[in-house]
Amino acid sequence: MNAMPFHPPTDYYCQELAPLDEEICSLLAKRKELSNQNPGFPDPDLIAQWSKTFGLKEYWLSIVFAHLLSEERIHIPVEPVEFLKFIPVLRSVTVDKLSHTVTYLKQYSNASIVYIETEVITSEPFGGHLGHAMFELSIAPEYLCTPNGGGGSGKTMQHSFVVTPPLPDDVSEVEFHFRVKPLPEPEFQRVLLKEIAVTI
């Protein structure tokens, strides 16, 4: 099974940070032990307080703690090889005016890719906007589901997950457990535009 290599985002590293980064790793290990690998997520008020105390962006801290939820959830991504076929699924469930649909699978020799689309159900042209969240997929204990990317805009969003080992071609009896965990939204200052004509 081919594992995708990790590529550092940059070749640069400030060597003076090595002792500090080693201390961070030590603290992460202590945090993991103290929480019994179940740390949860800090209260937003705590994150806001730490943001002000240490001069760090609140939204960035939220993302950091979201990634610290559990080391066990981080797996080396598997690179699907030898594409075999598309399998349509088209199974949906609607919760709180949000439709979640497993649209189709892509079958490979060593994995499957599951595509899930989320859409706001509204008749208003600008009646909904999907916020930031973490998306998780689970199927059964014998299957490992790894996020494979996602995107969208406005009222529609699509996410895909690499599933290993591959799912059977007939998924009529397979249950897809999709979980959405909203992240705190940054507060943006909204500036209303006025009609003007200027020369620059």
C-alpha atoms as a PDB file:
ATOM      1  CA  MET A   1       0.000   0.000   0.000  1.00  0.00           C
ATOM      2  CA  ASN A   2       1.550   3.290  -1.115  1.00  0.00           C
ATOM      3  CA  ALA A   3       1.789   6.000   1.542  1.00  0.00           C
ATOM      4  CA  MET A   4       1.927   9.591   0.356  1.00  0.00           C
ATOM      5  CA  PRO A   5       5.206  11.272   1.389  1.00  0.00           C
ATOM      6  CA  PHE A   6       5.090  14.349   3.592  1.00  0.00           C
ATOM      7  CA  HIS A   7       6.548  17.467   2.007  1.00  0.00           C
ATOM      8  CA  PRO A   8       7.569  20.293   4.373  1.00  0.00           C
ATOM      9  CA  PRO A   9       5.947  23.613   3.432  1.00  0.00           C
ATOM     10  CA  THR A  10       9.390  25.276   3.343  1.00  0.00           C
ATOM     11  CA  ASP A  11      13.071  24.319   3.351  1.00  0.00           C
ATOM     12  CA  TYR A  12      13.901  27.025   5.895  1.00  0.00           C
ATOM     13  CA  TYR A  13      14.191  26.384   9.641  1.00  0.00           C
ATOM     14  CA  CYS A  14      15.485  28.727  12.331  1.00  0.00           C
ATOM     15  CA  GLN A  15      17.910  26.447  14.174  1.00  0.00           C
ATOM     16  CA  GLU A  16      17.711  28.637  17.278  1.00  0.00           C
ATOM     17  CA  LEU A  17      14.154  27.333  17.732  1.00  0.00           C
ATOM     18  CA  ALA A  18      15.262  23.697  18.118  1.00  0.00           C
ATOM     19  CA  PRO A  19      15.467  23.741  21.970  1.00  0.00           C
ATOM     20  CA  LEU A  20      12.099  25.511  22.184  1.00  0.00           C
ATOM     21  CA  ASP A  21      10.486  23.104  19.704  1.00  0.00           C
ATOM     22  CA  GLU A  22      11.875  20.175  21.690  1.00  0.00           C
ATOM     23  CA  GLU A  23      10.214  21.636  24.783  1.00  0.00           C
ATOM     24  CA  ILE A  24       6.941  21.966  22.850  1.00  0.00           C
ATOM     25  CA  CYS A  25       7.165  18.262  21.926  1.00  0.00           C
ATOM     26  CA  SER A  26       7.760  17.420  25.590  1.00  0.00           C
ATOM     27  CA  LEU A  27       4.694  19.442  26.616  1.00  0.00           C
ATOM     28  CA  LEU A  28       2.597  17.756  23.916  1.00  0.00           C
ATOM     29  CA  ALA A  29       3.615  14.349  25.281  1.00  0.00           C
ATOM     30  CA  LYS A  30       2.668  15.437  28.825  1.00  0.00           C
ATOM     31  CA  ARG A  31      -0.637  16.837  27.536  1.00  0.00           C
ATOM     32  CA  LYS A  32      -1.377  13.536  25.819  1.00  0.00           C
ATOM     33  CA  GLU A  33      -0.609  11.540  28.980  1.00  0.00           C
ATOM     34  CA  LEU A  34      -2.541  13.839  31.328  1.00  0.00           C
ATOM     35  CA  SER A  35      -5.666  13.772  29.146  1.00  0.00           C
ATOM     36  CA  ASN A  36      -5.451  10.033  28.458  1.00  0.00           C
ATOM     37  CA  GLN A  37      -5.487  10.946  24.748  1.00  0.00           C
ATOM     38  CA  ASN A  38      -8.874  12.635  25.100  1.00  0.00           C
ATOM     39  CA  PRO A  39      -8.134  16.363  25.585  1.00  0.00           C
ATOM     40  CA  GLY A  40     -11.352  17.768  24.143  1.00  0.00           C
ATOM     41  CA  PHE A  41     -11.460  21.356  22.908  1.00  0.00           C
ATOM     42  CA  PRO A  42     -10.862  24.480  25.043  1.00  0.00           C
ATOM     43  CA  ASP A  43     -13.784  26.779  25.757  1.00  0.00           C
ATOM     44  CA  PRO A  44     -13.854  29.665  23.229  1.00  0.00           C
ATOM     45  CA  ASP A  45     -13.554  32.135  26.124  1.00  0.00           C
ATOM     46  CA  LEU A  46     -10.285  30.475  27.155  1.00  0.00           C
ATOM     47  CA  ILE A  47      -8.951  30.692  23.605  1.00  0.00           C
ATOM     48  CA  ALA A  48      -9.933  34.367  23.436  1.00  0.00           C
ATOM     49  CA  GLN A  49      -8.154  34.993  26.749  1.00  0.00           C
ATOM     50  CA  TRP A  50      -4.964  33.219  25.613  1.00  0.00           C
ATOM     51  CA  SER A  51      -5.118  35.121  22.339  1.00  0.00           C
ATOM     52  CA  LYS A  52      -5.007  38.449  24.174  1.00  0.00           C
ATOM     53  CA  THR A  53      -2.458  37.313  26.772  1.00  0.00           C
ATOM     54  CA  PHE A  54       0.089  35.976  24.288  1.00  0.00           C
ATOM     55  CA  GLY A  55      -0.674  38.165  21.270  1.00  0.00           C
ATOM     56  CA  LEU A  56      -1.740  35.276  19.039  1.00  0.00           C
ATOM     57  CA  LYS A  57      -4.584  35.228  16.533  1.00  0.00           C
ATOM     58  CA  GLU A  58      -7.694  33.687  18.054  1.00  0.00           C
ATOM     59  CA  TYR A  59      -8.710  31.833  14.896  1.00  0.00           C
ATOM     60  CA  TRP A  60      -5.202  30.425  14.458  1.00  0.00           C
ATOM     61  CA  LEU A  61      -5.268  29.125  18.052  1.00  0.00           C
ATOM     62  CA  SER A  62      -8.626  27.468  17.352  1.00  0.00           C
ATOM     63  CA  ILE A  63      -7.124  25.637  14.386  1.00  0.00           C
ATOM     64  CA  VAL A  64      -4.093  24.556  16.446  1.00  0.00           C
ATOM     65  CA  PHE A  65      -6.260  23.077  19.211  1.00  0.00           C
ATOM     66  CA  ALA A  66      -8.523  21.432  16.639  1.00  0.00           C
ATOM     67  CA  HIS A  67      -5.471  19.586  15.296  1.00  0.00           C
ATOM     68  CA  LEU A  68      -4.471  18.630  18.854  1.00  0.00           C
ATOM     69  CA  LEU A  69      -7.746  16.792  19.499  1.00  0.00           C
ATOM     70  CA  SER A  70      -6.115  13.392  19.169  1.00  0.00           C
ATOM     71  CA  GLU A  71      -2.866  12.079  17.752  1.00  0.00           C
ATOM     72  CA  GLU A  72      -4.653   8.800  17.012  1.00  0.00           C
ATOM     73  CA  ARG A  73      -6.779  10.541  14.378  1.00  0.00           C
ATOM     74  CA  ILE A  74      -3.725  11.408  12.312  1.00  0.00           C
ATOM     75  CA  HIS A  75      -2.801   8.707   9.829  1.00  0.00           C
ATOM     76  CA  ILE A  76      -0.303   8.587   7.002  1.00  0.00           C
ATOM     77  CA  PRO A  77      -2.382   9.183   3.862  1.00  0.00           C
ATOM     78  CA  VAL A  78      -2.558   6.317   1.394  1.00  0.00           C
ATOM     79  CA  GLU A  79      -2.128   7.175  -2.255  1.00  0.00           C
ATOM     80  CA  PRO A  80      -4.776   5.360  -4.322  1.00  0.00           C
ATOM     81  CA  VAL A  81      -3.307   3.504  -7.303  1.00  0.00           C
ATOM     82  CA  GLU A  82      -4.757   1.699 -10.333  1.00  0.00           C
ATOM     83  CA  PHE A  83      -8.121   3.361 -10.862  1.00  0.00           C
ATOM     84  CA  LEU A  84     -10.846   0.790 -11.562  1.00  0.00           C
ATOM     85  CA  LYS A  85     -14.275   2.421 -11.817  1.00  0.00           C
ATOM     86  CA  PHE A  86     -16.810   5.007 -10.671  1.00  0.00           C
ATOM     87  CA  ILE A  87     -19.686   3.747  -8.519  1.00  0.00           C
ATOM     88  CA  PRO A  88     -22.753   6.013  -8.141  1.00  0.00           C
ATOM     89  CA  VAL A  89     -24.306   6.031  -4.668  1.00  0.00           C
ATOM     90  CA  LEU A  90     -26.673   9.045  -4.366  1.00  0.00           C
ATOM     91  CA  ARG A  91     -27.810   8.507  -0.778  1.00  0.00           C
ATOM     92  CA  SER A  92     -28.909  11.574   1.184  1.00  0.00           C
ATOM     93  CA  VAL A  93     -30.012  12.662   4.611  1.00  0.00           C
ATOM     94  CA  THR A  94     -31.319  16.114   5.556  1.00  0.00           C
ATOM     95  CA  VAL A  95     -30.723  17.673   8.972  1.00  0.00           C
ATOM     96  CA  ASP A  96     -31.537  21.280   9.919  1.00  0.00           C
ATOM     97  CA  LYS A  97     -31.968  22.412   6.300  1.00  0.00           C
ATOM     98  CA  LEU A  98     -28.645  20.865   5.310  1.00  0.00           C
ATOM     99  CA  SER A  99     -28.580  18.037   2.793  1.00  0.00           C
ATOM    100  CA  HIS A 100     -25.656  15.599   3.074  1.00  0.00           C
ATOM    101  CA  THR A 101     -25.271  13.308   0.060  1.00  0.00           C
ATOM    102  CA  VAL A 102     -22.842  10.485  -0.651  1.00  0.00           C
ATOM    103  CA  THR A 103     -22.643  11.116  -4.377  1.00  0.00           C
ATOM    104  CA  TYR A 104     -20.246   8.470  -5.687  1.00  0.00           C
ATOM    105  CA  LEU A 105     -17.148   6.365  -5.064  1.00  0.00           C
ATOM    106  CA  LYS A 106     -13.953   6.022  -7.037  1.00  0.00           C
ATOM    107  CA  GLN A 107     -12.604   2.500  -6.787  1.00  0.00           C
ATOM    108  CA  TYR A 108      -8.873   1.798  -6.858  1.00  0.00           C
ATOM    109  CA  SER A 109      -6.975  -1.430  -6.369  1.00  0.00           C
ATOM    110  CA  ASN A 110      -5.830  -0.422  -2.876  1.00  0.00           C
ATOM    111  CA  ALA A 111      -8.476   2.071  -1.696  1.00  0.00           C
ATOM    112  CA  SER A 112     -11.787   3.789  -2.326  1.00  0.00           C
ATOM    113  CA  ILE A 113     -12.488   7.514  -2.412  1.00  0.00           C
ATOM    114  CA  VAL A 114     -15.885   8.548  -1.036  1.00  0.00           C
ATOM    115  CA  TYR A 115     -17.350  11.891  -2.124  1.00  0.00           C
ATOM    116  CA  ILE A 116     -19.853  13.682   0.111  1.00  0.00           C
ATOM    117  CA  GLU A 117     -21.650  16.882  -0.822  1.00  0.00           C
ATOM    118  CA  THR A 118     -23.328  19.227   1.665  1.00  0.00           C
ATOM    119  CA  GLU A 119     -25.822  21.846   0.516  1.00  0.00           C
ATOM    120  CA  VAL A 120     -28.015  24.417   2.233  1.00  0.00           C
ATOM    121  CA  ILE A 121     -31.681  23.891   1.378  1.00  0.00           C
ATOM    122  CA  THR A 122     -33.224  27.306   0.828  1.00  0.00           C
ATOM    123  CA  SER A 123     -35.214  29.134  -1.813  1.00  0.00           C
ATOM    124  CA  GLU A 124     -33.390  32.386  -1.091  1.00  0.00           C
ATOM    125  CA  PRO A 125     -30.613  33.203  -3.604  1.00  0.00           C
ATOM    126  CA  PHE A 126     -28.366  34.440  -0.778  1.00  0.00           C
ATOM    127  CA  GLY A 127     -30.107  32.633   2.053  1.00  0.00           C
ATOM    128  CA  GLY A 128     -27.260  30.608   3.481  1.00  0.00           C
ATOM    129  CA  HIS A 129     -23.511  30.346   3.769  1.00  0.00           C
ATOM    130  CA  LEU A 130     -21.648  27.310   5.075  1.00  0.00           C
ATOM    131  CA  GLY A 131     -19.189  28.123   7.842  1.00  0.00           C
ATOM    132  CA  HIS A 132     -15.875  26.514   8.774  1.00  0.00           C
ATOM    133  CA  ALA A 133     -15.962  23.044  10.289  1.00  0.00           C
ATOM    134  CA  MET A 134     -14.101  19.773  10.629  1.00  0.00           C
ATOM    135  CA  PHE A 135     -15.611  16.890   8.652  1.00  0.00           C
ATOM    136  CA  GLU A 136     -15.158  13.256   9.624  1.00  0.00           C
ATOM    137  CA  LEU A 137     -16.254  10.003   8.017  1.00  0.00           C
ATOM    138  CA  SER A 138     -16.427   6.601   9.664  1.00  0.00           C
ATOM    139  CA  ILE A 139     -17.809   3.373   8.253  1.00  0.00           C
ATOM    140  CA  ALA A 140     -16.885   0.292  10.280  1.00  0.00           C
ATOM    141  CA  PRO A 141     -13.952  -0.650  12.560  1.00  0.00           C
ATOM    142  CA  GLU A 142     -12.171  -2.462   9.743  1.00  0.00           C
ATOM    143  CA  TYR A 143     -12.125   0.647   7.522  1.00  0.00           C
ATOM    144  CA  LEU A 144      -9.815   3.624   7.940  1.00  0.00           C
ATOM    145  CA  CYS A 145     -11.237   6.896   6.590  1.00  0.00           C
ATOM    146  CA  THR A 146      -8.777   9.720   5.932  1.00  0.00           C
ATOM    147  CA  PRO A 147      -9.760  13.236   4.772  1.00  0.00           C
ATOM    148  CA  ASN A 148      -8.695  13.771   1.178  1.00  0.00           C
ATOM    149  CA  GLY A 149      -9.611  17.403   0.673  1.00  0.00           C
ATOM    150  CA  GLY A 150     -12.654  19.525   0.168  1.00  0.00           C
ATOM    151  CA  GLY A 151     -13.932  22.803  -1.081  1.00  0.00           C
ATOM    152  CA  GLY A 152     -16.907  24.792  -2.176  1.00  0.00           C
ATOM    153  CA  SER A 153     -18.471  28.186  -1.898  1.00  0.00           C
ATOM    154  CA  GLY A 154     -21.661  29.752  -0.691  1.00  0.00           C
ATOM    155  CA  LYS A 155     -24.311  27.106  -0.108  1.00  0.00           C
ATOM    156  CA  THR A 156     -22.459  24.025  -1.399  1.00  0.00           C
ATOM    157  CA  MET A 157     -19.430  22.123  -0.151  1.00  0.00           C
ATOM    158  CA  GLN A 158     -17.841  18.826  -1.169  1.00  0.00           C
ATOM    159  CA  HIS A 159     -15.463  16.620   0.810  1.00  0.00           C
ATOM    160  CA  SER A 160     -13.710  13.411  -0.114  1.00  0.00           C
ATOM    161  CA  PHE A 161     -12.220  10.659   2.032  1.00  0.00           C
ATOM    162  CA  VAL A 162      -9.764   7.894   1.216  1.00  0.00           C
ATOM    163  CA  VAL A 163     -11.051   4.594   2.610  1.00  0.00           C
ATOM    164  CA  THR A 164      -8.789   1.594   3.159  1.00  0.00           C
ATOM    165  CA  PRO A 165      -9.125  -1.258   2.507  1.00  0.00           C
ATOM    166  CA  PRO A 166     -11.308  -0.687  -0.579  1.00  0.00           C
ATOM    167  CA  LEU A 167     -15.067  -0.815  -0.134  1.00  0.00           C
ATOM    168  CA  PRO A 168     -17.027  -3.496  -1.997  1.00  0.00           C
ATOM    169  CA  ASP A 169     -18.573  -2.518  -5.308  1.00  0.00           C
ATOM    170  CA  ASP A 170     -22.009  -3.090  -3.789  1.00  0.00           C
ATOM    171  CA  VAL A 171     -22.333  -0.563  -0.944  1.00  0.00           C
ATOM    172  CA  SER A 172     -26.087  -0.934  -0.473  1.00  0.00           C
ATOM    173  CA  GLU A 173     -25.512  -2.407   3.000  1.00  0.00           C
ATOM    174  CA  VAL A 174     -22.674  -0.035   3.928  1.00  0.00           C
ATOM    175  CA  GLU A 175     -23.473   2.756   6.387  1.00  0.00           C
ATOM    176  CA  PHE A 176     -21.603   6.052   6.021  1.00  0.00           C
ATOM    177  CA  HIS A 177     -21.330   7.953   9.303  1.00  0.00           C
ATOM    178  CA  PHE A 178     -20.631  11.607   8.526  1.00  0.00           C
ATOM    179  CA  ARG A 179     -19.838  14.005  11.348  1.00  0.00           C
ATOM    180  CA  VAL A 180     -19.599  17.787  11.223  1.00  0.00           C
ATOM    181  CA  LYS A 181     -17.785  19.687  13.982  1.00  0.00           C
ATOM    182  CA  PRO A 182     -18.151  23.468  13.595  1.00  0.00           C
ATOM    183  CA  LEU A 183     -15.110  25.620  14.315  1.00  0.00           C
ATOM    184  CA  PRO A 184     -15.328  29.054  15.947  1.00  0.00           C
ATOM    185  CA  GLU A 185     -15.751  31.681  13.268  1.00  0.00           C
ATOM    186  CA  PRO A 186     -13.473  34.731  13.242  1.00  0.00           C
ATOM    187  CA  GLU A 187     -15.282  38.005  13.683  1.00  0.00           C
ATOM    188  CA  PHE A 188     -14.766  40.152  10.615  1.00  0.00           C
ATOM    189  CA  GLN A 189     -15.587  43.804  10.655  1.00  0.00           C
ATOM    190  CA  ARG A 190     -18.111  44.416   7.917  1.00  0.00           C
ATOM    191  CA  VAL A 191     -17.768  47.648   5.989  1.00  0.00           C
ATOM    192  CA  LEU A 192     -20.726  48.626   3.842  1.00  0.00           C
ATOM    193  CA  LEU A 193     -19.795  50.027   0.446  1.00  0.00           C
ATOM    194  CA  LYS A 194     -21.306  53.257  -0.823  1.00  0.00           C
ATOM    195  CA  GLU A 195     -21.875  54.268  -4.422  1.00  0.00           C
ATOM    196  CA  ILE A 196     -19.040  56.589  -5.380  1.00  0.00           C
ATOM    197  CA  ALA A 197     -17.117  57.759  -8.421  1.00  0.00           C
ATOM    198  CA  VAL A 198     -13.430  58.557  -7.972  1.00  0.00           C
ATOM    199  CA  THR A 199     -10.401  59.379 -10.062  1.00  0.00           C
ATOM    200  CA  ILE A 200      -7.120  57.749  -9.090  1.00  0.00           C
END
